[in-house]
Amino acid sequence: MIKYDLIYAVVNRGFADEVMTAAKSAGAFGGTVVNARGSGTNEMQQFFGTVIQPEKEIVMILTEREKRNAIMEAICRDAGLSKPGKGVCFSMPVDAVSGIRSLKEREDAERIANEQANAETDKNTPCVRE
């Protein structure tokens, strides 16, 4: 059974941060940004006889399958990909993964870190009794 999907968002250079902010708001932990250049005929422009190809960023986000739709919807809505010419977002199934901690391990580590931070705060807070 496939547990993960890889979400791709191809946007104009400078918009990867908007994509990541939207994705994180929907439950993504992070992603990878790759610089690229467009080659579509509508994107190439002539400037003093030189062809200029627009710079792009590809944001790749590995996520659990059940979070995929929410993340993609947030990207399209919050990063403006629902508007023509702003970019494209799609996903592909991932049938094997290695080198990542399970989300359960990550959640446990975050819970422990929060508990330790709260305990440290409680220890440093003076006790006031009435």
N, C-alpha and C. Protein backbone atom coordinates (compact mmCIF):
# COMPACT_ATOMS: atom_id res chain seq x y z
N MET A 1 0.84 -1.19 0.00
CA MET A 1 0.00 0.00 0.00
C MET A 1 0.89 1.25 0.00
N ILE A 2 0.56 2.20 -0.83
CA ILE A 2 1.32 3.44 -0.92
C ILE A 2 0.89 4.37 0.21
N LYS A 3 1.87 4.81 1.01
CA LYS A 3 1.59 5.67 2.15
C LYS A 3 1.93 7.13 1.90
N TYR A 4 2.79 7.40 0.91
CA TYR A 4 3.28 8.75 0.69
C TYR A 4 3.03 9.23 -0.73
N ASP A 5 2.96 10.54 -0.87
CA ASP A 5 2.90 11.20 -2.18
C ASP A 5 3.93 12.31 -2.19
N LEU A 6 4.42 12.62 -3.38
CA LEU A 6 5.33 13.74 -3.54
C LEU A 6 4.57 14.83 -4.30
N ILE A 7 4.42 15.96 -3.64
CA ILE A 7 3.72 17.11 -4.24
C ILE A 7 4.76 17.99 -4.91
N TYR A 8 4.48 18.38 -6.14
CA TYR A 8 5.33 19.31 -6.88
C TYR A 8 4.54 20.60 -7.09
N ALA A 9 5.18 21.73 -6.85
CA ALA A 9 4.59 23.02 -7.20
C ALA A 9 5.65 23.78 -8.00
N VAL A 10 5.33 24.12 -9.23
CA VAL A 10 6.25 24.85 -10.10
C VAL A 10 5.74 26.28 -10.17
N VAL A 11 6.57 27.22 -9.68
CA VAL A 11 6.15 28.62 -9.60
C VAL A 11 7.26 29.52 -10.10
N ASN A 12 6.93 30.77 -10.36
CA ASN A 12 7.95 31.74 -10.75
C ASN A 12 8.91 31.97 -9.59
N ARG A 13 10.15 32.29 -9.92
CA ARG A 13 11.17 32.51 -8.90
C ARG A 13 10.69 33.57 -7.91
N GLY A 14 10.90 33.28 -6.63
CA GLY A 14 10.51 34.21 -5.59
C GLY A 14 9.22 33.83 -4.88
N PHE A 15 8.52 32.82 -5.38
CA PHE A 15 7.24 32.44 -4.80
C PHE A 15 7.28 31.13 -4.01
N ALA A 16 8.45 30.52 -3.89
CA ALA A 16 8.55 29.25 -3.17
C ALA A 16 8.19 29.42 -1.70
N ASP A 17 8.54 30.56 -1.10
CA ASP A 17 8.22 30.78 0.31
C ASP A 17 6.71 30.80 0.54
N GLU A 18 5.97 31.41 -0.39
CA GLU A 18 4.50 31.41 -0.28
C GLU A 18 3.95 30.00 -0.34
N VAL A 19 4.51 29.19 -1.24
CA VAL A 19 4.08 27.79 -1.37
C VAL A 19 4.35 27.05 -0.07
N MET A 20 5.56 27.21 0.51
CA MET A 20 5.90 26.49 1.73
C MET A 20 5.05 26.96 2.92
N THR A 21 4.78 28.24 3.01
CA THR A 21 3.93 28.75 4.09
C THR A 21 2.54 28.14 4.00
N ALA A 22 1.99 28.10 2.80
CA ALA A 22 0.67 27.50 2.60
C ALA A 22 0.68 26.01 2.93
N ALA A 23 1.71 25.32 2.48
CA ALA A 23 1.80 23.87 2.72
C ALA A 23 1.93 23.57 4.21
N LYS A 24 2.74 24.34 4.91
CA LYS A 24 2.91 24.11 6.35
C LYS A 24 1.62 24.39 7.11
N SER A 25 0.86 25.37 6.66
CA SER A 25 -0.42 25.67 7.33
C SER A 25 -1.41 24.51 7.20
N ALA A 26 -1.18 23.65 6.21
CA ALA A 26 -2.07 22.50 5.99
C ALA A 26 -1.47 21.20 6.50
N GLY A 27 -0.33 21.26 7.20
CA GLY A 27 0.21 20.06 7.81
C GLY A 27 1.51 19.53 7.25
N ALA A 28 2.09 20.19 6.26
CA ALA A 28 3.38 19.73 5.73
C ALA A 28 4.48 20.09 6.72
N PHE A 29 5.51 19.25 6.80
CA PHE A 29 6.62 19.51 7.71
C PHE A 29 7.71 20.35 7.05
N GLY A 30 7.85 20.26 5.75
CA GLY A 30 8.89 20.99 5.05
C GLY A 30 8.93 20.56 3.60
N GLY A 31 9.91 21.03 2.88
CA GLY A 31 10.03 20.67 1.48
C GLY A 31 11.40 21.03 0.95
N THR A 32 11.59 20.78 -0.31
CA THR A 32 12.84 21.07 -1.00
C THR A 32 12.55 21.97 -2.18
N VAL A 33 13.36 23.02 -2.33
CA VAL A 33 13.18 23.97 -3.43
C VAL A 33 14.34 23.78 -4.42
N VAL A 34 13.98 23.62 -5.69
CA VAL A 34 14.96 23.45 -6.76
C VAL A 34 14.79 24.59 -7.75
N ASN A 35 15.89 25.22 -8.13
CA ASN A 35 15.83 26.28 -9.14
C ASN A 35 15.71 25.63 -10.52
N ALA A 36 14.93 26.26 -11.39
CA ALA A 36 14.70 25.73 -12.73
C ALA A 36 14.47 26.90 -13.69
N ARG A 37 14.28 26.58 -14.96
CA ARG A 37 13.92 27.61 -15.93
C ARG A 37 12.82 27.08 -16.83
N GLY A 38 11.91 27.94 -17.18
CA GLY A 38 10.80 27.56 -18.04
C GLY A 38 11.23 27.48 -19.50
N SER A 39 10.52 26.66 -20.26
CA SER A 39 10.86 26.56 -21.69
C SER A 39 9.62 26.56 -22.57
N GLY A 40 8.46 26.92 -22.01
CA GLY A 40 7.25 26.99 -22.81
C GLY A 40 7.34 28.10 -23.83
N THR A 41 6.73 27.92 -25.01
CA THR A 41 6.84 28.92 -26.08
C THR A 41 6.23 30.25 -25.66
N ASN A 42 5.18 30.24 -24.84
CA ASN A 42 4.58 31.49 -24.40
C ASN A 42 5.46 32.22 -23.39
N GLU A 43 6.36 31.49 -22.73
CA GLU A 43 7.18 32.11 -21.70
C GLU A 43 8.45 32.73 -22.26
N MET A 44 8.93 32.25 -23.38
CA MET A 44 10.16 32.80 -23.93
C MET A 44 9.88 34.16 -24.55
N GLN A 45 10.74 35.12 -24.22
CA GLN A 45 10.57 36.47 -24.73
C GLN A 45 11.86 36.92 -25.39
N GLN A 46 11.72 37.78 -26.38
CA GLN A 46 12.89 38.35 -27.04
C GLN A 46 13.23 39.68 -26.37
N PHE A 47 14.49 39.86 -26.03
CA PHE A 47 14.95 41.11 -25.45
C PHE A 47 16.23 41.48 -26.16
N PHE A 48 16.17 42.48 -27.02
CA PHE A 48 17.30 42.89 -27.85
C PHE A 48 17.90 41.70 -28.60
N GLY A 49 17.04 40.86 -29.15
CA GLY A 49 17.49 39.73 -29.96
C GLY A 49 17.93 38.52 -29.17
N THR A 50 17.86 38.57 -27.84
CA THR A 50 18.26 37.44 -27.00
C THR A 50 17.02 36.81 -26.40
N VAL A 51 16.95 35.49 -26.44
CA VAL A 51 15.81 34.79 -25.84
C VAL A 51 16.00 34.74 -24.33
N ILE A 52 14.98 35.17 -23.60
CA ILE A 52 15.01 35.14 -22.13
C ILE A 52 14.03 34.07 -21.67
N GLN A 53 14.51 33.15 -20.88
CA GLN A 53 13.64 32.11 -20.33
C GLN A 53 13.42 32.41 -18.85
N PRO A 54 12.17 32.47 -18.43
CA PRO A 54 11.88 32.85 -17.05
C PRO A 54 12.40 31.82 -16.04
N GLU A 55 12.88 32.35 -14.93
CA GLU A 55 13.38 31.50 -13.85
C GLU A 55 12.21 30.95 -13.05
N LYS A 56 12.30 29.71 -12.67
CA LYS A 56 11.25 29.02 -11.92
C LYS A 56 11.83 28.42 -10.65
N GLU A 57 10.95 28.05 -9.74
CA GLU A 57 11.30 27.28 -8.56
C GLU A 57 10.35 26.09 -8.50
N ILE A 58 10.90 24.93 -8.22
CA ILE A 58 10.09 23.74 -8.04
C ILE A 58 10.15 23.39 -6.56
N VAL A 59 8.99 23.36 -5.92
CA VAL A 59 8.90 22.99 -4.51
C VAL A 59 8.42 21.55 -4.47
N MET A 60 9.19 20.69 -3.78
CA MET A 60 8.83 19.28 -3.65
C MET A 60 8.55 18.99 -2.19
N ILE A 61 7.39 18.40 -1.92
CA ILE A 61 6.97 18.12 -0.55
C ILE A 61 6.56 16.67 -0.45
N LEU A 62 7.27 15.89 0.37
CA LEU A 62 6.91 14.51 0.62
C LEU A 62 5.94 14.50 1.79
N THR A 63 4.79 13.88 1.62
CA THR A 63 3.78 13.90 2.67
C THR A 63 3.01 12.59 2.70
N GLU A 64 2.36 12.36 3.81
CA GLU A 64 1.49 11.20 3.90
C GLU A 64 0.31 11.40 2.95
N ARG A 65 -0.13 10.31 2.38
CA ARG A 65 -1.19 10.37 1.38
C ARG A 65 -2.45 11.09 1.88
N GLU A 66 -2.83 10.85 3.14
CA GLU A 66 -4.08 11.46 3.63
C GLU A 66 -3.98 12.97 3.80
N LYS A 67 -2.78 13.54 3.80
CA LYS A 67 -2.62 14.99 3.91
C LYS A 67 -2.48 15.66 2.55
N ARG A 68 -2.28 14.88 1.51
CA ARG A 68 -1.98 15.42 0.18
C ARG A 68 -3.01 16.43 -0.31
N ASN A 69 -4.28 16.07 -0.31
CA ASN A 69 -5.30 16.97 -0.86
C ASN A 69 -5.38 18.29 -0.11
N ALA A 70 -5.31 18.23 1.22
CA ALA A 70 -5.40 19.47 2.02
C ALA A 70 -4.20 20.38 1.72
N ILE A 71 -3.02 19.79 1.58
CA ILE A 71 -1.83 20.58 1.28
C ILE A 71 -1.92 21.20 -0.10
N MET A 72 -2.33 20.41 -1.09
CA MET A 72 -2.45 20.94 -2.45
C MET A 72 -3.50 22.04 -2.53
N GLU A 73 -4.63 21.86 -1.85
CA GLU A 73 -5.67 22.89 -1.85
C GLU A 73 -5.16 24.17 -1.21
N ALA A 74 -4.41 24.05 -0.12
CA ALA A 74 -3.86 25.24 0.54
C ALA A 74 -2.86 25.95 -0.37
N ILE A 75 -2.03 25.19 -1.05
CA ILE A 75 -1.06 25.80 -1.98
C ILE A 75 -1.80 26.56 -3.09
N CYS A 76 -2.77 25.91 -3.70
CA CYS A 76 -3.51 26.56 -4.80
C CYS A 76 -4.25 27.80 -4.32
N ARG A 77 -4.84 27.72 -3.15
CA ARG A 77 -5.61 28.84 -2.61
C ARG A 77 -4.70 29.96 -2.11
N ASP A 78 -3.75 29.63 -1.25
CA ASP A 78 -2.97 30.66 -0.55
C ASP A 78 -1.78 31.19 -1.35
N ALA A 79 -1.25 30.38 -2.26
CA ALA A 79 -0.12 30.84 -3.07
C ALA A 79 -0.58 31.31 -4.45
N GLY A 80 -1.89 31.33 -4.69
CA GLY A 80 -2.43 31.90 -5.91
C GLY A 80 -2.35 31.03 -7.15
N LEU A 81 -2.10 29.73 -6.98
CA LEU A 81 -1.96 28.87 -8.16
C LEU A 81 -3.27 28.62 -8.89
N SER A 82 -4.37 29.06 -8.29
CA SER A 82 -5.65 28.90 -8.99
C SER A 82 -5.83 29.95 -10.08
N LYS A 83 -4.94 30.95 -10.13
CA LYS A 83 -4.99 31.99 -11.16
C LYS A 83 -4.12 31.58 -12.34
N PRO A 84 -4.55 31.88 -13.56
CA PRO A 84 -3.77 31.52 -14.75
C PRO A 84 -2.37 32.13 -14.72
N GLY A 85 -1.38 31.35 -15.11
CA GLY A 85 -0.02 31.82 -15.23
C GLY A 85 0.76 31.89 -13.93
N LYS A 86 0.18 31.49 -12.81
CA LYS A 86 0.86 31.57 -11.53
C LYS A 86 1.69 30.33 -11.21
N GLY A 87 1.40 29.23 -11.86
CA GLY A 87 2.15 28.01 -11.60
C GLY A 87 1.27 26.79 -11.72
N VAL A 88 1.86 25.66 -11.40
CA VAL A 88 1.14 24.40 -11.49
C VAL A 88 1.50 23.56 -10.27
N CYS A 89 0.55 22.78 -9.80
CA CYS A 89 0.75 21.91 -8.65
C CYS A 89 0.21 20.54 -9.00
N PHE A 90 1.00 19.50 -8.76
CA PHE A 90 0.55 18.13 -9.02
C PHE A 90 1.26 17.19 -8.05
N SER A 91 0.79 15.95 -7.98
CA SER A 91 1.42 14.99 -7.07
C SER A 91 1.64 13.67 -7.79
N MET A 92 2.56 12.90 -7.22
CA MET A 92 2.86 11.56 -7.73
C MET A 92 2.98 10.61 -6.55
N PRO A 93 2.55 9.37 -6.72
CA PRO A 93 2.68 8.40 -5.62
C PRO A 93 4.14 8.01 -5.42
N VAL A 94 4.48 7.74 -4.18
CA VAL A 94 5.83 7.30 -3.82
C VAL A 94 5.69 5.91 -3.22
N ASP A 95 6.31 4.92 -3.86
CA ASP A 95 6.11 3.55 -3.38
C ASP A 95 7.20 3.07 -2.42
N ALA A 96 8.29 3.83 -2.27
CA ALA A 96 9.32 3.46 -1.32
C ALA A 96 10.02 4.71 -0.79
N VAL A 97 10.30 4.72 0.51
CA VAL A 97 10.94 5.86 1.14
C VAL A 97 11.96 5.34 2.14
N SER A 98 13.11 6.00 2.19
CA SER A 98 14.08 5.71 3.24
C SER A 98 14.72 7.01 3.66
N GLY A 99 15.28 7.02 4.86
CA GLY A 99 16.00 8.19 5.32
C GLY A 99 15.15 9.24 6.00
N ILE A 100 13.88 8.95 6.29
CA ILE A 100 13.07 9.91 7.03
C ILE A 100 12.55 9.25 8.28
N ARG A 101 12.38 10.06 9.31
CA ARG A 101 11.77 9.54 10.52
C ARG A 101 10.27 9.42 10.28
N SER A 102 9.67 8.46 10.93
CA SER A 102 8.22 8.34 10.80
C SER A 102 7.57 9.55 11.45
N LEU A 103 6.40 9.89 11.00
CA LEU A 103 5.70 11.04 11.56
C LEU A 103 5.36 10.81 13.02
N LYS A 104 5.13 9.57 13.41
CA LYS A 104 4.87 9.25 14.81
C LYS A 104 6.10 9.60 15.65
N GLU A 105 7.29 9.21 15.19
CA GLU A 105 8.52 9.54 15.91
C GLU A 105 8.70 11.05 16.00
N ARG A 106 8.41 11.76 14.93
CA ARG A 106 8.54 13.22 14.90
C ARG A 106 7.57 13.86 15.89
N GLU A 107 6.32 13.39 15.90
CA GLU A 107 5.33 13.93 16.83
C GLU A 107 5.73 13.66 18.27
N ASP A 108 6.26 12.45 18.54
CA ASP A 108 6.71 12.12 19.89
C ASP A 108 7.86 13.03 20.31
N ALA A 109 8.81 13.27 19.41
CA ALA A 109 9.95 14.15 19.71
C ALA A 109 9.48 15.57 19.99
N GLU A 110 8.51 16.06 19.20
CA GLU A 110 7.98 17.41 19.42
C GLU A 110 7.26 17.49 20.76
N ARG A 111 6.49 16.45 21.10
CA ARG A 111 5.76 16.43 22.37
C ARG A 111 6.74 16.46 23.54
N ILE A 112 7.79 15.66 23.46
CA ILE A 112 8.80 15.61 24.52
C ILE A 112 9.50 16.96 24.65
N ALA A 113 9.86 17.56 23.53
CA ALA A 113 10.52 18.87 23.56
C ALA A 113 9.61 19.92 24.19
N ASN A 114 8.32 19.89 23.85
CA ASN A 114 7.37 20.84 24.44
C ASN A 114 7.22 20.61 25.94
N GLU A 115 7.16 19.34 26.35
CA GLU A 115 7.05 19.03 27.78
C GLU A 115 8.29 19.52 28.53
N GLN A 116 9.46 19.33 27.94
CA GLN A 116 10.70 19.79 28.58
C GLN A 116 10.74 21.31 28.66
N ALA A 117 10.30 21.98 27.62
CA ALA A 117 10.27 23.45 27.63
C ALA A 117 9.29 23.95 28.68
N ASN A 118 8.13 23.31 28.78
CA ASN A 118 7.15 23.72 29.79
C ASN A 118 7.66 23.46 31.20
N ALA A 119 8.34 22.33 31.40
CA ALA A 119 8.90 22.02 32.72
C ALA A 119 9.96 23.04 33.09
N GLU A 120 10.78 23.44 32.13
CA GLU A 120 11.83 24.44 32.37
C GLU A 120 11.19 25.78 32.72
N THR A 121 10.12 26.15 32.02
CA THR A 121 9.41 27.40 32.30
C THR A 121 8.80 27.36 33.69
N ASP A 122 8.18 26.22 34.04
CA ASP A 122 7.56 26.08 35.37
C ASP A 122 8.61 26.17 36.47
N LYS A 123 9.80 25.61 36.23
CA LYS A 123 10.87 25.62 37.21
C LYS A 123 11.38 27.04 37.46
N ASN A 124 11.35 27.86 36.43
CA ASN A 124 11.87 29.22 36.53
C ASN A 124 10.81 30.24 36.94
N THR A 125 9.58 29.81 37.02
CA THR A 125 8.50 30.70 37.41
C THR A 125 8.33 30.66 38.92
N PRO A 126 8.43 31.82 39.59
CA PRO A 126 8.28 31.80 41.05
C PRO A 126 6.85 31.41 41.43
N CYS A 127 6.76 30.69 42.51
CA CYS A 127 5.46 30.23 43.00
C CYS A 127 4.87 31.34 43.88
N VAL A 128 3.69 31.78 43.56
CA VAL A 128 3.02 32.81 44.34
C VAL A 128 1.78 32.20 44.96
N ARG A 129 1.67 32.34 46.28
CA ARG A 129 0.49 31.80 46.97
C ARG A 129 -0.21 32.95 47.67
N GLU A 130 -1.49 32.85 47.69
CA GLU A 130 -2.28 33.90 48.37
C GLU A 130 -2.70 33.44 49.73
